[in-house]
Amino acid sequence: MSLAKAVVARILTYVGIALATGFFALPLLWLLSAPFDDSPSYGVHWPSHLTLHNFAALGHNPYAFGSLVNSVLLGAGTMLLVVVVAALAAYALSRVRIPGRDALLYGLLLLSSVITGTAAMVPIFLLIFQLGLIDSRFGVVLVLSGGLLPAAIFLLKDFIDTIPRSYEESARVFGATPLQILRHIVVPVARPGLATIAVWTVVQVWGSFLTPFILLRDPDKQPAAVLVRTFYTEGGSPNLALISTFSLLYSIPVVLMYLFAWSRYGFRFHGGIKS
């Protein structure tokens, strides 16, 4: 009887996994088929006649491909700033004994989770306005980086904590400076952690809508996440042909970046040491 129950339980488990897989696979199947359909609908079906008409129609939009470039610029700029600052801060917090260090880290992480960009948008807008960075990509990069840095520092510190101090002590004996130790000893060992932070940062920026929507006035500077809203009619009806086509192009850079990082590091690591 127990064997029968085990078989039934395993069958139900497999059925549940199959249903969950199908639930998450349907949107992806729609995303892969709808851009090549003359008249896409909400249903998932492979078009009887493949066409590139939707891509040609998207090319007539003067802001479509420029918005993808803007997304790349915002993502790359924010990633570079977050990775560099987080590496410096995490290394300092990991190696220097500061009273209340752990409380400071948890406090920053808690505040960054509770006070989100939406709740703080009014003071952020006033601050960016006073700095003269309205309608500036650099201003958007600063705001996005400030929101992501607490979590990035918290995560990266765990990687650096696992690096043996003997590596640094050996380099210090030969006269290496702290920055040289960070560059030649810590960074190469913590590279999987840096890759994780980089991918996570780009993903967060890639889907960000509110901050660039409020701070960027020029349509030529707005990223793809903001441009998507223009693919709706005045009555709120979506243009499924343009939305699906643009969404497919919009997702390619992030997928390629993830595949590159996964093939390089595999995201199989324990702390800062890859296993």
C-alpha atoms as a PDB file:
ATOM      1  CA  MET A   1       0.000   0.000   0.000  1.00  0.00           C
ATOM      2  CA  SER A   2       2.852   2.356   0.837  1.00  0.00           C
ATOM      3  CA  LEU A   3       4.464   1.608  -2.534  1.00  0.00           C
ATOM      4  CA  ALA A   4       1.214   2.516  -4.331  1.00  0.00           C
ATOM      5  CA  LYS A   5       1.026   5.777  -2.398  1.00  0.00           C
ATOM      6  CA  ALA A   6       4.614   6.579  -3.302  1.00  0.00           C
ATOM      7  CA  VAL A   7       3.909   5.937  -7.011  1.00  0.00           C
ATOM      8  CA  VAL A   8       0.777   8.104  -6.917  1.00  0.00           C
ATOM      9  CA  ALA A   9       2.644  10.876  -5.106  1.00  0.00           C
ATOM     10  CA  ARG A  10       5.432  10.787  -7.687  1.00  0.00           C
ATOM     11  CA  ILE A  11       2.936  10.866 -10.573  1.00  0.00           C
ATOM     12  CA  LEU A  12       1.147  13.841  -9.031  1.00  0.00           C
ATOM     13  CA  THR A  13       4.477  15.568  -8.550  1.00  0.00           C
ATOM     14  CA  TYR A  14       5.412  15.083 -12.194  1.00  0.00           C
ATOM     15  CA  VAL A  15       1.974  16.283 -13.311  1.00  0.00           C
ATOM     16  CA  GLY A  16       2.325  19.389 -11.148  1.00  0.00           C
ATOM     17  CA  ILE A  17       5.782  20.102 -12.559  1.00  0.00           C
ATOM     18  CA  ALA A  18       4.477  19.648 -16.105  1.00  0.00           C
ATOM     19  CA  LEU A  19       1.563  22.027 -15.483  1.00  0.00           C
ATOM     20  CA  ALA A  20       3.848  24.634 -13.917  1.00  0.00           C
ATOM     21  CA  THR A  21       6.293  24.308 -16.820  1.00  0.00           C
ATOM     22  CA  GLY A  22       3.480  24.738 -19.317  1.00  0.00           C
ATOM     23  CA  PHE A  23       2.143  27.750 -17.427  1.00  0.00           C
ATOM     24  CA  PHE A  24       5.489  29.540 -17.650  1.00  0.00           C
ATOM     25  CA  ALA A  25       6.256  28.305 -21.178  1.00  0.00           C
ATOM     26  CA  LEU A  26       3.085  29.657 -22.794  1.00  0.00           C
ATOM     27  CA  PRO A  27       4.139  33.349 -22.663  1.00  0.00           C
ATOM     28  CA  LEU A  28       7.519  32.426 -24.132  1.00  0.00           C
ATOM     29  CA  LEU A  29       5.883  30.472 -26.943  1.00  0.00           C
ATOM     30  CA  TRP A  30       3.629  33.458 -27.662  1.00  0.00           C
ATOM     31  CA  LEU A  31       6.655  35.770 -27.684  1.00  0.00           C
ATOM     32  CA  LEU A  32       8.413  33.545 -30.215  1.00  0.00           C
ATOM     33  CA  SER A  33       5.434  33.129 -32.552  1.00  0.00           C
ATOM     34  CA  ALA A  34       3.477  36.406 -32.427  1.00  0.00           C
ATOM     35  CA  PRO A  35       6.155  38.646 -34.053  1.00  0.00           C
ATOM     36  CA  PHE A  36       6.019  36.488 -37.203  1.00  0.00           C
ATOM     37  CA  ASP A  37       2.210  36.538 -37.487  1.00  0.00           C
ATOM     38  CA  ASP A  38       0.327  39.051 -39.642  1.00  0.00           C
ATOM     39  CA  SER A  39      -2.485  39.364 -37.113  1.00  0.00           C
ATOM     40  CA  PRO A  40      -1.327  38.051 -33.717  1.00  0.00           C
ATOM     41  CA  SER A  41      -3.879  37.397 -30.998  1.00  0.00           C
ATOM     42  CA  TYR A  42      -3.738  36.531 -27.325  1.00  0.00           C
ATOM     43  CA  GLY A  43      -3.748  32.829 -28.145  1.00  0.00           C
ATOM     44  CA  VAL A  44      -0.638  30.767 -28.737  1.00  0.00           C
ATOM     45  CA  HIS A  45      -0.473  29.336 -32.241  1.00  0.00           C
ATOM     46  CA  TRP A  46       2.223  29.054 -34.838  1.00  0.00           C
ATOM     47  CA  PRO A  47       1.441  31.326 -37.821  1.00  0.00           C
ATOM     48  CA  SER A  48       0.522  29.562 -41.035  1.00  0.00           C
ATOM     49  CA  HIS A  49       2.569  32.052 -43.060  1.00  0.00           C
ATOM     50  CA  LEU A  50       5.739  33.453 -41.538  1.00  0.00           C
ATOM     51  CA  THR A  51       6.262  37.149 -42.194  1.00  0.00           C
ATOM     52  CA  LEU A  52       8.710  39.896 -41.269  1.00  0.00           C
ATOM     53  CA  HIS A  53       6.148  42.634 -41.817  1.00  0.00           C
ATOM     54  CA  ASN A  54       5.977  43.418 -38.088  1.00  0.00           C
ATOM     55  CA  PHE A  55       9.721  44.034 -37.948  1.00  0.00           C
ATOM     56  CA  ALA A  56       9.471  46.367 -40.948  1.00  0.00           C
ATOM     57  CA  ALA A  57       6.592  48.237 -39.298  1.00  0.00           C
ATOM     58  CA  LEU A  58       8.624  48.577 -36.111  1.00  0.00           C
ATOM     59  CA  GLY A  59      11.503  49.989 -38.136  1.00  0.00           C
ATOM     60  CA  HIS A  60       9.284  52.906 -39.193  1.00  0.00           C
ATOM     61  CA  ASN A  61       9.034  53.985 -35.540  1.00  0.00           C
ATOM     62  CA  PRO A  62      11.692  56.724 -35.164  1.00  0.00           C
ATOM     63  CA  TYR A  63      12.356  55.904 -31.507  1.00  0.00           C
ATOM     64  CA  ALA A  64      12.249  52.095 -31.432  1.00  0.00           C
ATOM     65  CA  PHE A  65      15.858  51.121 -32.048  1.00  0.00           C
ATOM     66  CA  GLY A  66      17.196  54.264 -30.405  1.00  0.00           C
ATOM     67  CA  SER A  67      15.380  53.306 -27.213  1.00  0.00           C
ATOM     68  CA  LEU A  68      17.176  49.944 -27.213  1.00  0.00           C
ATOM     69  CA  VAL A  69      20.494  51.790 -27.452  1.00  0.00           C
ATOM     70  CA  ASN A  70      19.410  54.017 -24.563  1.00  0.00           C
ATOM     71  CA  SER A  71      18.596  50.930 -22.482  1.00  0.00           C
ATOM     72  CA  VAL A  72      22.055  49.525 -23.202  1.00  0.00           C
ATOM     73  CA  LEU A  73      23.694  52.817 -22.202  1.00  0.00           C
ATOM     74  CA  LEU A  74      21.715  53.061 -18.950  1.00  0.00           C
ATOM     75  CA  GLY A  75      22.299  49.398 -18.129  1.00  0.00           C
ATOM     76  CA  ALA A  76      26.027  49.501 -18.887  1.00  0.00           C
ATOM     77  CA  GLY A  77      26.569  52.783 -17.033  1.00  0.00           C
ATOM     78  CA  THR A  78      24.683  51.651 -13.946  1.00  0.00           C
ATOM     79  CA  MET A  79      26.368  48.244 -13.981  1.00  0.00           C
ATOM     80  CA  LEU A  80      29.840  49.786 -14.170  1.00  0.00           C
ATOM     81  CA  LEU A  81      29.141  52.250 -11.354  1.00  0.00           C
ATOM     82  CA  VAL A  82      27.477  49.681  -9.090  1.00  0.00           C
ATOM     83  CA  VAL A  83      30.155  47.014  -9.589  1.00  0.00           C
ATOM     84  CA  VAL A  84      33.070  49.406  -8.975  1.00  0.00           C
ATOM     85  CA  VAL A  85      31.574  51.150  -5.941  1.00  0.00           C
ATOM     86  CA  ALA A  86      30.194  47.921  -4.473  1.00  0.00           C
ATOM     87  CA  ALA A  87      33.570  46.195  -4.847  1.00  0.00           C
ATOM     88  CA  LEU A  88      35.400  49.023  -3.066  1.00  0.00           C
ATOM     89  CA  ALA A  89      32.814  49.325  -0.301  1.00  0.00           C
ATOM     90  CA  ALA A  90      32.423  45.570   0.211  1.00  0.00           C
ATOM     91  CA  TYR A  91      36.195  45.081   0.414  1.00  0.00           C
ATOM     92  CA  ALA A  92      36.519  47.866   2.970  1.00  0.00           C
ATOM     93  CA  LEU A  93      33.634  46.574   5.084  1.00  0.00           C
ATOM     94  CA  SER A  94      34.979  43.029   4.889  1.00  0.00           C
ATOM     95  CA  ARG A  95      38.547  43.818   5.932  1.00  0.00           C
ATOM     96  CA  VAL A  96      38.241  46.874   8.193  1.00  0.00           C
ATOM     97  CA  ARG A  97      36.729  46.447  11.633  1.00  0.00           C
ATOM     98  CA  ILE A  98      34.256  49.296  12.097  1.00  0.00           C
ATOM     99  CA  PRO A  99      32.040  49.546  15.206  1.00  0.00           C
ATOM    100  CA  GLY A 100      28.470  48.790  14.184  1.00  0.00           C
ATOM    101  CA  ARG A 101      29.497  47.495  10.770  1.00  0.00           C
ATOM    102  CA  ASP A 102      26.931  44.704  10.597  1.00  0.00           C
ATOM    103  CA  ALA A 103      24.175  46.981  11.894  1.00  0.00           C
ATOM    104  CA  LEU A 104      25.088  49.507   9.203  1.00  0.00           C
ATOM    105  CA  LEU A 105      24.867  46.869   6.474  1.00  0.00           C
ATOM    106  CA  TYR A 106      21.528  45.513   7.627  1.00  0.00           C
ATOM    107  CA  GLY A 107      20.213  49.052   8.089  1.00  0.00           C
ATOM    108  CA  LEU A 108      21.140  50.024   4.527  1.00  0.00           C
ATOM    109  CA  LEU A 109      19.596  46.848   3.160  1.00  0.00           C
ATOM    110  CA  LEU A 110      16.415  47.356   5.179  1.00  0.00           C
ATOM    111  CA  LEU A 111      16.040  50.997   4.177  1.00  0.00           C
ATOM    112  CA  SER A 112      16.642  50.197   0.505  1.00  0.00           C
ATOM    113  CA  SER A 113      13.874  47.579   0.686  1.00  0.00           C
ATOM    114  CA  VAL A 114      11.354  49.673   2.617  1.00  0.00           C
ATOM    115  CA  ILE A 115      11.953  53.062   0.979  1.00  0.00           C
ATOM    116  CA  THR A 116      11.711  52.171  -2.691  1.00  0.00           C
ATOM    117  CA  GLY A 117      12.208  54.469  -5.665  1.00  0.00           C
ATOM    118  CA  THR A 118       8.459  54.955  -5.985  1.00  0.00           C
ATOM    119  CA  ALA A 119       8.074  56.178  -2.406  1.00  0.00           C
ATOM    120  CA  ALA A 120      11.098  58.481  -2.643  1.00  0.00           C
ATOM    121  CA  MET A 121      10.479  59.781  -6.165  1.00  0.00           C
ATOM    122  CA  VAL A 122       9.420  63.289  -5.099  1.00  0.00           C
ATOM    123  CA  PRO A 123      12.591  64.095  -3.083  1.00  0.00           C
ATOM    124  CA  ILE A 124      14.692  62.329  -5.724  1.00  0.00           C
ATOM    125  CA  PHE A 125      13.152  64.485  -8.449  1.00  0.00           C
ATOM    126  CA  LEU A 126      13.786  67.663  -6.437  1.00  0.00           C
ATOM    127  CA  LEU A 127      17.392  66.639  -5.802  1.00  0.00           C
ATOM    128  CA  ILE A 128      18.050  65.832  -9.454  1.00  0.00           C
ATOM    129  CA  PHE A 129      16.357  69.110 -10.461  1.00  0.00           C
ATOM    130  CA  GLN A 130      18.612  71.126  -8.131  1.00  0.00           C
ATOM    131  CA  LEU A 131      21.675  69.343  -9.524  1.00  0.00           C
ATOM    132  CA  GLY A 132      20.597  70.266 -13.051  1.00  0.00           C
ATOM    133  CA  LEU A 133      20.424  66.631 -14.179  1.00  0.00           C
ATOM    134  CA  ILE A 134      16.829  66.530 -15.403  1.00  0.00           C
ATOM    135  CA  ASP A 135      16.692  64.993 -18.894  1.00  0.00           C
ATOM    136  CA  SER A 136      20.197  63.578 -18.364  1.00  0.00           C
ATOM    137  CA  ARG A 137      21.124  59.909 -18.694  1.00  0.00           C
ATOM    138  CA  PHE A 138      23.829  60.443 -16.081  1.00  0.00           C
ATOM    139  CA  GLY A 139      21.196  61.590 -13.595  1.00  0.00           C
ATOM    140  CA  VAL A 140      19.162  58.433 -14.213  1.00  0.00           C
ATOM    141  CA  VAL A 141      22.287  56.293 -13.761  1.00  0.00           C
ATOM    142  CA  LEU A 142      23.012  57.984 -10.419  1.00  0.00           C
ATOM    143  CA  VAL A 143      19.465  57.432  -9.138  1.00  0.00           C
ATOM    144  CA  LEU A 144      19.325  53.795 -10.235  1.00  0.00           C
ATOM    145  CA  SER A 145      22.800  53.105  -8.832  1.00  0.00           C
ATOM    146  CA  GLY A 146      21.888  54.614  -5.485  1.00  0.00           C
ATOM    147  CA  GLY A 147      18.900  52.307  -5.181  1.00  0.00           C
ATOM    148  CA  LEU A 148      20.869  49.162  -6.107  1.00  0.00           C
ATOM    149  CA  LEU A 149      24.111  49.763  -4.201  1.00  0.00           C
ATOM    150  CA  PRO A 150      22.986  48.694  -0.674  1.00  0.00           C
ATOM    151  CA  ALA A 151      21.930  45.224  -1.818  1.00  0.00           C
ATOM    152  CA  ALA A 152      24.965  44.913  -4.106  1.00  0.00           C
ATOM    153  CA  ILE A 153      27.365  45.763  -1.263  1.00  0.00           C
ATOM    154  CA  PHE A 154      25.597  43.359   1.070  1.00  0.00           C
ATOM    155  CA  LEU A 155      25.798  40.484  -1.434  1.00  0.00           C
ATOM    156  CA  LEU A 156      29.361  41.148  -2.551  1.00  0.00           C
ATOM    157  CA  LYS A 157      30.679  41.359   0.996  1.00  0.00           C
ATOM    158  CA  ASP A 158      29.741  37.708   1.517  1.00  0.00           C
ATOM    159  CA  PHE A 159      31.906  36.738  -1.459  1.00  0.00           C
ATOM    160  CA  ILE A 160      34.890  38.728  -0.206  1.00  0.00           C
ATOM    161  CA  ASP A 161      34.524  37.337   3.328  1.00  0.00           C
ATOM    162  CA  THR A 162      35.265  33.848   1.987  1.00  0.00           C
ATOM    163  CA  ILE A 163      38.591  34.889   0.399  1.00  0.00           C
ATOM    164  CA  PRO A 164      41.449  33.757   2.673  1.00  0.00           C
ATOM    165  CA  ARG A 165      43.363  36.661   4.190  1.00  0.00           C
ATOM    166  CA  SER A 166      46.610  34.763   3.616  1.00  0.00           C
ATOM    167  CA  TYR A 167      46.418  35.718  -0.077  1.00  0.00           C
ATOM    168  CA  GLU A 168      46.485  39.380   0.820  1.00  0.00           C
ATOM    169  CA  GLU A 169      49.128  38.986   3.502  1.00  0.00           C
ATOM    170  CA  SER A 170      51.469  37.349   1.003  1.00  0.00           C
ATOM    171  CA  ALA A 171      50.978  40.224  -1.433  1.00  0.00           C
ATOM    172  CA  ARG A 172      51.437  42.785   1.331  1.00  0.00           C
ATOM    173  CA  VAL A 173      54.813  41.238   2.233  1.00  0.00           C
ATOM    174  CA  PHE A 174      56.021  42.040  -1.288  1.00  0.00           C
ATOM    175  CA  GLY A 175      54.893  45.671  -0.932  1.00  0.00           C
ATOM    176  CA  ALA A 176      51.517  45.627  -2.667  1.00  0.00           C
ATOM    177  CA  THR A 177      49.199  48.527  -1.882  1.00  0.00           C
ATOM    178  CA  PRO A 178      45.550  47.965  -0.853  1.00  0.00           C
ATOM    179  CA  LEU A 179      44.341  48.929  -4.340  1.00  0.00           C
ATOM    180  CA  GLN A 180      46.833  46.538  -5.945  1.00  0.00           C
ATOM    181  CA  ILE A 181      45.670  43.771  -3.623  1.00  0.00           C
ATOM    182  CA  LEU A 182      42.071  44.500  -4.539  1.00  0.00           C
ATOM    183  CA  ARG A 183      42.817  44.535  -8.259  1.00  0.00           C
ATOM    184  CA  HIS A 184      45.186  41.571  -8.559  1.00  0.00           C
ATOM    185  CA  ILE A 185      44.120  39.333  -5.661  1.00  0.00           C
ATOM    186  CA  VAL A 186      40.548  39.990  -4.581  1.00  0.00           C
ATOM    187  CA  VAL A 187      38.866  40.823  -7.889  1.00  0.00           C
ATOM    188  CA  PRO A 188      40.080  37.723  -9.819  1.00  0.00           C
ATOM    189  CA  VAL A 189      38.954  35.397  -7.019  1.00  0.00           C
ATOM    190  CA  ALA A 190      35.628  37.200  -6.507  1.00  0.00           C
ATOM    191  CA  ARG A 191      34.925  37.381 -10.251  1.00  0.00           C
ATOM    192  CA  PRO A 192      31.861  35.084 -10.077  1.00  0.00           C
ATOM    193  CA  GLY A 193      30.366  37.378  -7.442  1.00  0.00           C
ATOM    194  CA  LEU A 194      31.079  40.449  -9.563  1.00  0.00           C
ATOM    195  CA  ALA A 195      29.440  38.731 -12.550  1.00  0.00           C
ATOM    196  CA  THR A 196      26.374  37.986 -10.443  1.00  0.00           C
ATOM    197  CA  ILE A 197      26.125  41.616  -9.340  1.00  0.00           C
ATOM    198  CA  ALA A 198      26.615  42.816 -12.925  1.00  0.00           C
ATOM    199  CA  VAL A 199      23.861  40.602 -14.350  1.00  0.00           C
ATOM    200  CA  TRP A 200      21.503  41.445 -11.492  1.00  0.00           C
ATOM    201  CA  THR A 201      22.114  45.181 -11.964  1.00  0.00           C
ATOM    202  CA  VAL A 202      21.468  45.117 -15.706  1.00  0.00           C
ATOM    203  CA  VAL A 203      18.259  43.126 -15.225  1.00  0.00           C
ATOM    204  CA  GLN A 204      17.000  45.631 -12.655  1.00  0.00           C
ATOM    205  CA  VAL A 205      17.804  48.604 -14.884  1.00  0.00           C
ATOM    206  CA  TRP A 206      16.524  46.936 -18.063  1.00  0.00           C
ATOM    207  CA  GLY A 207      12.982  46.732 -16.712  1.00  0.00           C
ATOM    208  CA  SER A 208      12.971  50.061 -14.866  1.00  0.00           C
ATOM    209  CA  PHE A 209      10.128  52.321 -16.003  1.00  0.00           C
ATOM    210  CA  LEU A 210       9.275  54.971 -13.416  1.00  0.00           C
ATOM    211  CA  THR A 211      12.681  56.612 -12.900  1.00  0.00           C
ATOM    212  CA  PRO A 212      13.565  57.201 -16.576  1.00  0.00           C
ATOM    213  CA  PHE A 213       9.952  58.075 -17.356  1.00  0.00           C
ATOM    214  CA  ILE A 214       9.996  60.927 -14.831  1.00  0.00           C
ATOM    215  CA  LEU A 215      13.582  62.155 -15.239  1.00  0.00           C
ATOM    216  CA  LEU A 216      13.926  61.944 -19.031  1.00  0.00           C
ATOM    217  CA  ARG A 217      11.813  64.385 -21.043  1.00  0.00           C
ATOM    218  CA  ASP A 218      13.398  63.956 -24.479  1.00  0.00           C
ATOM    219  CA  PRO A 219      11.922  60.943 -26.341  1.00  0.00           C
ATOM    220  CA  ASP A 220      15.329  60.404 -27.987  1.00  0.00           C
ATOM    221  CA  LYS A 221      16.811  59.622 -24.551  1.00  0.00           C
ATOM    222  CA  GLN A 222      14.080  57.380 -23.170  1.00  0.00           C
ATOM    223  CA  PRO A 223      14.818  53.634 -22.843  1.00  0.00           C
ATOM    224  CA  ALA A 224      12.828  50.753 -24.279  1.00  0.00           C
ATOM    225  CA  ALA A 225      10.881  50.145 -21.058  1.00  0.00           C
ATOM    226  CA  VAL A 226       9.361  53.622 -21.422  1.00  0.00           C
ATOM    227  CA  LEU A 227       8.783  53.419 -25.167  1.00  0.00           C
ATOM    228  CA  VAL A 228       6.544  50.340 -24.821  1.00  0.00           C
ATOM    229  CA  ARG A 229       3.733  52.532 -23.525  1.00  0.00           C
ATOM    230  CA  THR A 230       3.460  54.178 -26.960  1.00  0.00           C
ATOM    231  CA  PHE A 231       2.328  50.893 -28.533  1.00  0.00           C
ATOM    232  CA  TYR A 232      -1.165  51.394 -27.150  1.00  0.00           C
ATOM    233  CA  THR A 233      -3.969  53.322 -28.771  1.00  0.00           C
ATOM    234  CA  GLU A 234      -5.665  56.287 -27.106  1.00  0.00           C
ATOM    235  CA  GLY A 235      -8.389  53.916 -25.986  1.00  0.00           C
ATOM    236  CA  GLY A 236      -5.879  51.660 -24.273  1.00  0.00           C
ATOM    237  CA  SER A 237      -5.959  48.839 -26.821  1.00  0.00           C
ATOM    238  CA  PRO A 238      -2.550  47.210 -27.370  1.00  0.00           C
ATOM    239  CA  ASN A 239      -0.977  46.844 -30.776  1.00  0.00           C
ATOM    240  CA  LEU A 240      -0.042  43.196 -30.343  1.00  0.00           C
ATOM    241  CA  ALA A 241       2.043  43.081 -33.516  1.00  0.00           C
ATOM    242  CA  LEU A 242       4.359  45.892 -32.430  1.00  0.00           C
ATOM    243  CA  ILE A 243       4.380  44.909 -28.754  1.00  0.00           C
ATOM    244  CA  SER A 244       5.357  41.309 -29.455  1.00  0.00           C
ATOM    245  CA  THR A 245       8.001  42.263 -32.012  1.00  0.00           C
ATOM    246  CA  PHE A 246       9.530  44.930 -29.805  1.00  0.00           C
ATOM    247  CA  SER A 247       9.403  42.656 -26.753  1.00  0.00           C
ATOM    248  CA  LEU A 248      11.314  39.961 -28.635  1.00  0.00           C
ATOM    249  CA  LEU A 249      14.066  42.397 -29.604  1.00  0.00           C
ATOM    250  CA  TYR A 250      13.968  43.905 -26.116  1.00  0.00           C
ATOM    251  CA  SER A 251      14.641  40.567 -24.442  1.00  0.00           C
ATOM    252  CA  ILE A 252      17.541  39.440 -26.647  1.00  0.00           C
ATOM    253  CA  PRO A 253      20.365  41.526 -25.061  1.00  0.00           C
ATOM    254  CA  VAL A 254      19.557  40.370 -21.510  1.00  0.00           C
ATOM    255  CA  VAL A 255      19.267  36.727 -22.567  1.00  0.00           C
ATOM    256  CA  LEU A 256      22.603  36.894 -24.403  1.00  0.00           C
ATOM    257  CA  MET A 257      24.282  38.525 -21.416  1.00  0.00           C
ATOM    258  CA  TYR A 258      22.916  35.879 -19.062  1.00  0.00           C
ATOM    259  CA  LEU A 259      24.020  33.047 -21.367  1.00  0.00           C
ATOM    260  CA  PHE A 260      27.509  34.539 -21.622  1.00  0.00           C
ATOM    261  CA  ALA A 261      27.843  34.883 -17.846  1.00  0.00           C
ATOM    262  CA  TRP A 262      26.421  31.397 -17.306  1.00  0.00           C
ATOM    263  CA  SER A 263      28.806  29.818 -19.834  1.00  0.00           C
ATOM    264  CA  ARG A 264      31.751  31.671 -18.317  1.00  0.00           C
ATOM    265  CA  TYR A 265      31.033  31.190 -14.614  1.00  0.00           C
ATOM    266  CA  GLY A 266      28.110  28.780 -14.493  1.00  0.00           C
ATOM    267  CA  PHE A 267      26.813  30.529 -11.344  1.00  0.00           C
ATOM    268  CA  ARG A 268      27.955  27.457  -9.434  1.00  0.00           C
ATOM    269  CA  PHE A 269      30.075  28.822  -6.654  1.00  0.00           C
ATOM    270  CA  HIS A 270      30.401  28.827  -2.906  1.00  0.00           C
ATOM    271  CA  GLY A 271      31.017  32.312  -1.625  1.00  0.00           C
ATOM    272  CA  GLY A 272      33.820  33.906  -3.591  1.00  0.00           C
ATOM    273  CA  ILE A 273      35.428  30.572  -4.576  1.00  0.00           C
ATOM    274  CA  LYS A 274      33.975  28.848  -7.624  1.00  0.00           C
ATOM    275  CA  SER A 275      33.281  25.171  -7.079  1.00  0.00           C
END
